[in-house]
């Protein structure tokens, strides 16, 4: 069985695909608009059950880049109370 090529789509393209899907376009119509097979569109949509995934957000508990650099260099900032 031959394996297909992986389709690399930009974030804007993925957003457009989801918008077209929500507007009621068929997999074939969306595929034609992007020059892809309808099966490629189906794989993208079925991965999330046909429901637009929520936008990813970094947790407020995650360290910032500066904090991670300080820890890696063993430098800590002390705040006077």
C-alpha atoms as a PDB file:
ATOM      1  CA  UNK A   1       0.000   0.000   0.000  1.00  0.00           C
ATOM      2  CA  UNK A   2       1.443   3.363  -1.031  1.00  0.00           C
ATOM      3  CA  UNK A   3       1.596   6.121   1.524  1.00  0.00           C
ATOM      4  CA  UNK A   4       0.462   9.607   0.608  1.00  0.00           C
ATOM      5  CA  UNK A   5       2.379  12.815   1.047  1.00  0.00           C
ATOM      6  CA  UNK A   6       1.895  14.804   4.227  1.00  0.00           C
ATOM      7  CA  UNK A   7      -0.014  18.010   3.604  1.00  0.00           C
ATOM      8  CA  UNK A   8       1.596  21.006   5.272  1.00  0.00           C
ATOM      9  CA  UNK A   9      -0.925  23.789   5.605  1.00  0.00           C
ATOM     10  CA  UNK A  10      -0.373  27.161   7.212  1.00  0.00           C
ATOM     11  CA  UNK A  11      -2.478  28.296  10.134  1.00  0.00           C
ATOM     12  CA  UNK A  12      -4.402  30.658   7.858  1.00  0.00           C
ATOM     13  CA  UNK A  13      -5.167  27.820   5.442  1.00  0.00           C
ATOM     14  CA  UNK A  14      -6.377  25.570   8.260  1.00  0.00           C
ATOM     15  CA  UNK A  15      -8.561  28.369   9.560  1.00  0.00           C
ATOM     16  CA  UNK A  16      -9.995  28.871   6.070  1.00  0.00           C
ATOM     17  CA  UNK A  17     -10.733  25.140   5.780  1.00  0.00           C
ATOM     18  CA  UNK A  18     -12.590  25.178   9.111  1.00  0.00           C
ATOM     19  CA  UNK A  19     -14.509  28.277   8.024  1.00  0.00           C
ATOM     20  CA  UNK A  20     -15.549  26.631   4.759  1.00  0.00           C
ATOM     21  CA  UNK A  21     -16.589  23.484   6.658  1.00  0.00           C
ATOM     22  CA  UNK A  22     -18.724  25.515   9.074  1.00  0.00           C
ATOM     23  CA  UNK A  23     -20.277  27.319   6.080  1.00  0.00           C
ATOM     24  CA  UNK A  24     -21.480  23.962   4.779  1.00  0.00           C
ATOM     25  CA  UNK A  25     -19.112  23.296   1.898  1.00  0.00           C
ATOM     26  CA  UNK A  26     -18.486  19.666   1.020  1.00  0.00           C
ATOM     27  CA  UNK A  27     -15.118  17.955   1.375  1.00  0.00           C
ATOM     28  CA  UNK A  28     -14.836  17.883  -2.425  1.00  0.00           C
ATOM     29  CA  UNK A  29     -15.456  21.645  -2.718  1.00  0.00           C
ATOM     30  CA  UNK A  30     -12.924  22.455  -0.011  1.00  0.00           C
ATOM     31  CA  UNK A  31     -10.374  20.094  -1.555  1.00  0.00           C
ATOM     32  CA  UNK A  32     -10.757  21.709  -4.972  1.00  0.00           C
ATOM     33  CA  UNK A  33     -10.256  25.177  -3.464  1.00  0.00           C
ATOM     34  CA  UNK A  34      -6.905  24.080  -1.997  1.00  0.00           C
ATOM     35  CA  UNK A  35      -5.811  21.705  -4.752  1.00  0.00           C
ATOM     36  CA  UNK A  36      -6.002  18.731  -2.383  1.00  0.00           C
ATOM     37  CA  UNK A  37      -7.844  15.444  -2.410  1.00  0.00           C
ATOM     38  CA  UNK A  38     -11.048  15.359  -0.389  1.00  0.00           C
ATOM     39  CA  UNK A  39      -9.497  12.581   1.707  1.00  0.00           C
ATOM     40  CA  UNK A  40      -6.805  15.018   2.897  1.00  0.00           C
ATOM     41  CA  UNK A  41      -9.499  17.419   4.053  1.00  0.00           C
ATOM     42  CA  UNK A  42     -11.377  14.548   5.708  1.00  0.00           C
ATOM     43  CA  UNK A  43      -8.281  13.538   7.692  1.00  0.00           C
ATOM     44  CA  UNK A  44      -7.816  17.107   8.929  1.00  0.00           C
ATOM     45  CA  UNK A  45     -11.438  17.499  10.001  1.00  0.00           C
ATOM     46  CA  UNK A  46     -11.962  14.017  11.413  1.00  0.00           C
ATOM     47  CA  UNK A  47      -8.960  14.374  13.718  1.00  0.00           C
ATOM     48  CA  UNK A  48     -11.092  16.788  15.767  1.00  0.00           C
ATOM     49  CA  UNK A  49     -14.449  15.141  15.172  1.00  0.00           C
ATOM     50  CA  UNK A  50     -15.541  17.871  12.751  1.00  0.00           C
ATOM     51  CA  UNK A  51     -15.499  20.461  15.540  1.00  0.00           C
ATOM     52  CA  UNK A  52     -13.163  23.445  15.347  1.00  0.00           C
ATOM     53  CA  UNK A  53     -10.385  22.961  17.923  1.00  0.00           C
ATOM     54  CA  UNK A  54      -9.946  25.620  20.580  1.00  0.00           C
ATOM     55  CA  UNK A  55      -7.097  28.064  20.107  1.00  0.00           C
ATOM     56  CA  UNK A  56      -4.001  27.030  22.008  1.00  0.00           C
ATOM     57  CA  UNK A  57      -2.920  29.269  24.857  1.00  0.00           C
ATOM     58  CA  UNK A  58       0.074  29.071  27.132  1.00  0.00           C
ATOM     59  CA  UNK A  59      -0.781  28.434  30.762  1.00  0.00           C
ATOM     60  CA  UNK A  60      -0.405  31.354  33.161  1.00  0.00           C
ATOM     61  CA  UNK A  61       1.623  28.979  35.337  1.00  0.00           C
ATOM     62  CA  UNK A  62       4.283  28.421  32.656  1.00  0.00           C
ATOM     63  CA  UNK A  63       7.623  30.157  33.124  1.00  0.00           C
ATOM     64  CA  UNK A  64       8.598  32.960  30.760  1.00  0.00           C
ATOM     65  CA  UNK A  65      11.733  32.763  28.631  1.00  0.00           C
ATOM     66  CA  UNK A  66      13.550  35.201  30.948  1.00  0.00           C
ATOM     67  CA  UNK A  67      12.629  33.141  34.028  1.00  0.00           C
ATOM     68  CA  UNK A  68      13.862  29.942  32.380  1.00  0.00           C
ATOM     69  CA  UNK A  69      17.130  31.602  31.391  1.00  0.00           C
ATOM     70  CA  UNK A  70      17.643  32.902  34.929  1.00  0.00           C
ATOM     71  CA  UNK A  71      17.085  29.447  36.383  1.00  0.00           C
ATOM     72  CA  UNK A  72      19.397  27.787  33.856  1.00  0.00           C
ATOM     73  CA  UNK A  73      22.164  30.268  34.673  1.00  0.00           C
ATOM     74  CA  UNK A  74      21.527  29.955  38.385  1.00  0.00           C
ATOM     75  CA  UNK A  75      20.561  33.607  38.677  1.00  0.00           C
ATOM     76  CA  UNK A  76      17.590  34.534  40.752  1.00  0.00           C
ATOM     77  CA  UNK A  77      15.977  37.896  41.154  1.00  0.00           C
ATOM     78  CA  UNK A  78      15.162  38.829  44.693  1.00  0.00           C
ATOM     79  CA  UNK A  79      12.522  41.460  45.305  1.00  0.00           C
ATOM     80  CA  UNK A  80      12.810  43.629  48.424  1.00  0.00           C
ATOM     81  CA  UNK A  81       9.639  43.618  50.462  1.00  0.00           C
END
